[in-house]
Amino acid sequence: MEDLPEATNQVPEADGCSHLARHPGRHAFEVQTQEYPGQETVTWWVVWDGPERPDSAGYEIVPLNSCGAEPEGGVDGLDVCPLPAEHLGEHPWR
């Protein structure tokens, strides 16, 4: 993932789901972003079913749209919601 063209992040260690703890449904965490000049940003996520951390075989790496919601009045360290579009639960600044 670090070798993707226009990649912007170091690929993180699998750190568990970015959503609310112990939620139902699929889990996800962001692993890479590609920023192409003059085009939409592509955000890659590891997604899986089951336990809160992915195992060695039961996951996919897929591009998902980002939520993009902006906190009213600003929040230290967050310009936009870092979760995928249509994520479960509230935004992380609530």
N, C-alpha and C. Protein backbone atom coordinates (compact mmCIF):
# COMPACT_ATOMS: atom_id res chain seq x y z
N MET A 1 0.82 -1.21 0.00
CA MET A 1 0.00 0.00 0.00
C MET A 1 0.86 1.27 0.00
N GLU A 2 2.06 1.21 0.58
CA GLU A 2 2.92 2.39 0.57
C GLU A 2 3.46 2.69 -0.81
N ASP A 3 3.47 1.68 -1.71
CA ASP A 3 4.00 1.86 -3.06
C ASP A 3 2.96 2.32 -4.07
N LEU A 4 1.73 2.56 -3.64
CA LEU A 4 0.70 3.07 -4.56
C LEU A 4 1.10 4.45 -5.06
N PRO A 5 0.82 4.76 -6.33
CA PRO A 5 1.10 6.12 -6.82
C PRO A 5 0.35 7.16 -6.00
N GLU A 6 1.02 8.24 -5.67
CA GLU A 6 0.43 9.36 -4.93
C GLU A 6 -0.02 8.98 -3.52
N ALA A 7 0.55 7.91 -2.94
CA ALA A 7 0.22 7.52 -1.57
C ALA A 7 0.72 8.58 -0.60
N THR A 8 -0.05 8.85 0.45
CA THR A 8 0.31 9.92 1.38
C THR A 8 0.65 9.45 2.79
N ASN A 9 0.37 8.18 3.13
CA ASN A 9 0.54 7.70 4.50
C ASN A 9 1.51 6.54 4.57
N GLN A 10 2.13 6.37 5.74
CA GLN A 10 2.78 5.10 6.05
C GLN A 10 1.67 4.16 6.46
N VAL A 11 1.73 2.91 6.01
CA VAL A 11 0.68 1.95 6.33
C VAL A 11 0.77 1.60 7.82
N PRO A 12 -0.33 1.78 8.57
CA PRO A 12 -0.30 1.50 10.01
C PRO A 12 -0.42 0.00 10.31
N GLU A 13 -0.01 -0.38 11.50
CA GLU A 13 -0.26 -1.74 12.00
C GLU A 13 -1.76 -1.91 12.17
N ALA A 14 -2.25 -3.12 12.03
CA ALA A 14 -3.67 -3.40 12.28
C ALA A 14 -3.97 -3.05 13.72
N ASP A 15 -4.81 -2.05 13.91
CA ASP A 15 -5.06 -1.53 15.26
C ASP A 15 -6.52 -1.67 15.67
N GLY A 16 -7.26 -2.46 14.95
CA GLY A 16 -8.66 -2.62 15.31
C GLY A 16 -9.54 -1.63 14.59
N CYS A 17 -10.80 -1.73 14.84
CA CYS A 17 -11.82 -0.97 14.13
C CYS A 17 -11.79 0.52 14.49
N SER A 18 -12.03 1.37 13.49
CA SER A 18 -12.11 2.81 13.72
C SER A 18 -13.47 3.26 14.21
N HIS A 19 -14.47 2.39 14.13
CA HIS A 19 -15.83 2.72 14.56
C HIS A 19 -15.97 2.58 16.08
N LEU A 20 -17.19 2.60 16.53
CA LEU A 20 -17.49 2.41 17.95
C LEU A 20 -17.09 1.01 18.40
N ALA A 21 -16.67 0.87 19.63
CA ALA A 21 -16.31 -0.44 20.18
C ALA A 21 -17.52 -1.37 20.20
N ARG A 22 -17.28 -2.62 19.88
CA ARG A 22 -18.28 -3.69 19.95
C ARG A 22 -19.57 -3.39 19.18
N HIS A 23 -19.44 -2.79 18.02
CA HIS A 23 -20.62 -2.51 17.21
C HIS A 23 -20.98 -3.71 16.33
N PRO A 24 -22.21 -3.79 15.87
CA PRO A 24 -22.59 -4.87 14.95
C PRO A 24 -22.11 -4.55 13.54
N GLY A 25 -22.04 -5.55 12.69
CA GLY A 25 -21.72 -5.34 11.29
C GLY A 25 -20.22 -5.36 11.00
N ARG A 26 -19.89 -4.87 9.81
CA ARG A 26 -18.50 -4.88 9.35
C ARG A 26 -17.66 -3.87 10.12
N HIS A 27 -16.38 -4.20 10.25
CA HIS A 27 -15.40 -3.32 10.89
C HIS A 27 -14.49 -2.74 9.82
N ALA A 28 -13.84 -1.61 10.11
CA ALA A 28 -12.96 -0.97 9.14
C ALA A 28 -11.93 -0.10 9.81
N PHE A 29 -10.73 0.01 9.19
CA PHE A 29 -9.79 1.06 9.54
C PHE A 29 -9.04 1.47 8.29
N GLU A 30 -8.67 2.75 8.24
CA GLU A 30 -8.01 3.32 7.07
C GLU A 30 -6.55 2.89 7.01
N VAL A 31 -6.11 2.49 5.81
CA VAL A 31 -4.71 2.09 5.66
C VAL A 31 -3.92 2.97 4.70
N GLN A 32 -4.59 3.65 3.77
CA GLN A 32 -3.83 4.47 2.83
C GLN A 32 -4.75 5.48 2.15
N THR A 33 -4.16 6.58 1.72
CA THR A 33 -4.85 7.61 0.95
C THR A 33 -4.01 7.94 -0.26
N GLN A 34 -4.66 8.07 -1.39
CA GLN A 34 -3.99 8.52 -2.61
C GLN A 34 -4.59 9.86 -3.00
N GLU A 35 -3.71 10.85 -3.21
CA GLU A 35 -4.16 12.18 -3.60
C GLU A 35 -3.61 12.50 -4.97
N TYR A 36 -4.47 12.43 -5.97
CA TYR A 36 -4.10 12.76 -7.33
C TYR A 36 -4.43 14.22 -7.58
N PRO A 37 -3.46 15.03 -8.04
CA PRO A 37 -3.74 16.44 -8.32
C PRO A 37 -4.91 16.60 -9.29
N GLY A 38 -5.87 17.44 -8.95
CA GLY A 38 -7.01 17.70 -9.80
C GLY A 38 -8.06 16.62 -9.84
N GLN A 39 -7.94 15.60 -8.99
CA GLN A 39 -8.91 14.51 -8.95
C GLN A 39 -9.35 14.25 -7.52
N GLU A 40 -10.37 13.39 -7.38
CA GLU A 40 -10.83 13.03 -6.04
C GLU A 40 -9.78 12.19 -5.32
N THR A 41 -9.72 12.32 -4.02
CA THR A 41 -8.85 11.51 -3.19
C THR A 41 -9.42 10.10 -3.08
N VAL A 42 -8.55 9.10 -3.11
CA VAL A 42 -8.96 7.70 -2.93
C VAL A 42 -8.47 7.25 -1.56
N THR A 43 -9.39 6.76 -0.72
CA THR A 43 -9.03 6.29 0.61
C THR A 43 -9.25 4.78 0.66
N TRP A 44 -8.20 4.05 1.06
CA TRP A 44 -8.24 2.58 1.12
C TRP A 44 -8.44 2.15 2.57
N TRP A 45 -9.34 1.17 2.76
CA TRP A 45 -9.70 0.68 4.09
C TRP A 45 -9.57 -0.83 4.14
N VAL A 46 -9.15 -1.34 5.28
CA VAL A 46 -9.26 -2.77 5.56
C VAL A 46 -10.64 -2.96 6.17
N VAL A 47 -11.43 -3.88 5.63
CA VAL A 47 -12.77 -4.17 6.16
C VAL A 47 -12.88 -5.66 6.44
N TRP A 48 -13.63 -6.03 7.49
CA TRP A 48 -13.79 -7.42 7.87
C TRP A 48 -15.03 -7.61 8.72
N ASP A 49 -15.48 -8.84 8.80
CA ASP A 49 -16.57 -9.24 9.69
C ASP A 49 -15.94 -9.96 10.87
N GLY A 50 -16.65 -10.01 11.97
CA GLY A 50 -16.17 -10.82 13.09
C GLY A 50 -15.57 -10.00 14.21
N PRO A 51 -14.45 -10.48 14.79
CA PRO A 51 -13.89 -9.82 15.96
C PRO A 51 -13.43 -8.40 15.66
N GLU A 52 -13.14 -7.64 16.70
CA GLU A 52 -12.78 -6.23 16.53
C GLU A 52 -11.44 -6.01 15.85
N ARG A 53 -10.62 -7.04 15.75
CA ARG A 53 -9.35 -6.95 15.02
C ARG A 53 -9.38 -7.98 13.90
N PRO A 54 -8.86 -7.61 12.71
CA PRO A 54 -8.89 -8.57 11.60
C PRO A 54 -7.93 -9.72 11.86
N ASP A 55 -8.28 -10.93 11.38
CA ASP A 55 -7.33 -12.03 11.46
C ASP A 55 -6.56 -12.10 10.15
N SER A 56 -5.68 -13.07 10.02
CA SER A 56 -4.78 -13.11 8.87
C SER A 56 -5.47 -13.42 7.55
N ALA A 57 -6.67 -13.93 7.55
CA ALA A 57 -7.30 -14.33 6.30
C ALA A 57 -8.64 -13.64 6.02
N GLY A 58 -9.33 -13.17 7.04
CA GLY A 58 -10.70 -12.72 6.85
C GLY A 58 -10.88 -11.24 6.67
N TYR A 59 -10.17 -10.63 5.72
CA TYR A 59 -10.34 -9.20 5.49
C TYR A 59 -10.19 -8.88 4.01
N GLU A 60 -10.62 -7.67 3.65
CA GLU A 60 -10.45 -7.14 2.30
C GLU A 60 -9.85 -5.75 2.42
N ILE A 61 -9.13 -5.31 1.38
CA ILE A 61 -8.67 -3.93 1.29
C ILE A 61 -9.44 -3.32 0.13
N VAL A 62 -10.25 -2.30 0.44
CA VAL A 62 -11.16 -1.72 -0.55
C VAL A 62 -11.13 -0.19 -0.48
N PRO A 63 -11.40 0.47 -1.61
CA PRO A 63 -11.55 1.93 -1.55
C PRO A 63 -12.96 2.28 -1.07
N LEU A 64 -13.06 3.16 -0.09
CA LEU A 64 -14.35 3.63 0.41
C LEU A 64 -14.34 5.15 0.41
N ASN A 65 -15.48 5.75 0.16
CA ASN A 65 -15.58 7.20 0.29
C ASN A 65 -15.46 7.58 1.75
N SER A 66 -14.88 8.74 2.00
CA SER A 66 -14.77 9.25 3.37
C SER A 66 -16.05 9.98 3.75
N CYS A 67 -16.33 10.05 5.04
CA CYS A 67 -17.52 10.74 5.54
C CYS A 67 -17.46 12.21 5.13
N GLY A 68 -16.40 12.88 5.50
CA GLY A 68 -16.22 14.28 5.10
C GLY A 68 -16.99 15.29 5.91
N ALA A 69 -17.78 14.86 6.90
CA ALA A 69 -18.52 15.82 7.72
C ALA A 69 -17.53 16.70 8.49
N GLU A 70 -17.87 17.96 8.62
CA GLU A 70 -17.00 18.91 9.32
C GLU A 70 -17.62 19.29 10.66
N PRO A 71 -16.80 19.31 11.73
CA PRO A 71 -17.33 19.69 13.03
C PRO A 71 -17.66 21.18 13.07
N GLU A 72 -18.80 21.52 13.65
CA GLU A 72 -19.17 22.92 13.81
C GLU A 72 -18.25 23.57 14.82
N GLY A 73 -17.73 24.73 14.47
CA GLY A 73 -16.88 25.46 15.40
C GLY A 73 -15.47 24.90 15.53
N GLY A 74 -15.14 23.84 14.82
CA GLY A 74 -13.79 23.29 14.85
C GLY A 74 -13.54 22.40 16.06
N VAL A 75 -12.68 21.43 15.87
CA VAL A 75 -12.27 20.52 16.93
C VAL A 75 -10.77 20.32 16.77
N ASP A 76 -10.02 20.43 17.86
CA ASP A 76 -8.56 20.26 17.78
C ASP A 76 -8.20 18.95 17.11
N GLY A 77 -7.39 19.02 16.07
CA GLY A 77 -6.89 17.83 15.42
C GLY A 77 -7.81 17.21 14.38
N LEU A 78 -9.03 17.71 14.23
CA LEU A 78 -9.96 17.15 13.24
C LEU A 78 -10.54 18.24 12.36
N ASP A 79 -10.24 18.16 11.07
CA ASP A 79 -10.86 19.07 10.10
C ASP A 79 -12.14 18.47 9.55
N VAL A 80 -12.12 17.13 9.37
CA VAL A 80 -13.28 16.38 8.87
C VAL A 80 -13.35 15.05 9.59
N CYS A 81 -14.50 14.41 9.52
CA CYS A 81 -14.67 13.10 10.14
C CYS A 81 -13.74 12.09 9.45
N PRO A 82 -12.95 11.34 10.22
CA PRO A 82 -11.99 10.40 9.63
C PRO A 82 -12.57 9.03 9.30
N LEU A 83 -13.86 8.85 9.45
CA LEU A 83 -14.49 7.55 9.22
C LEU A 83 -15.03 7.45 7.79
N PRO A 84 -15.33 6.23 7.33
CA PRO A 84 -15.89 6.10 5.99
C PRO A 84 -17.31 6.66 5.92
N ALA A 85 -17.73 7.01 4.71
CA ALA A 85 -19.10 7.50 4.49
C ALA A 85 -20.10 6.48 5.02
N GLU A 86 -21.21 6.97 5.51
CA GLU A 86 -22.29 6.12 6.03
C GLU A 86 -21.83 5.23 7.19
N HIS A 87 -20.90 5.75 8.01
CA HIS A 87 -20.41 4.98 9.15
C HIS A 87 -21.47 4.84 10.23
N LEU A 88 -21.26 3.87 11.08
CA LEU A 88 -22.16 3.64 12.21
C LEU A 88 -21.92 4.69 13.29
N GLY A 89 -22.92 4.97 14.05
CA GLY A 89 -22.76 5.83 15.22
C GLY A 89 -22.52 7.28 14.88
N GLU A 90 -22.13 8.03 15.90
CA GLU A 90 -21.93 9.46 15.78
C GLU A 90 -20.52 9.76 15.27
N HIS A 91 -20.30 11.03 14.96
CA HIS A 91 -18.97 11.46 14.58
C HIS A 91 -18.06 11.47 15.81
N PRO A 92 -16.76 11.33 15.62
CA PRO A 92 -15.85 11.18 16.77
C PRO A 92 -15.74 12.41 17.67
N TRP A 93 -16.24 13.56 17.25
CA TRP A 93 -16.15 14.75 18.10
C TRP A 93 -17.36 14.90 19.00
N ARG A 94 -18.29 13.98 19.01
CA ARG A 94 -19.47 14.09 19.87
C ARG A 94 -19.22 13.43 21.18
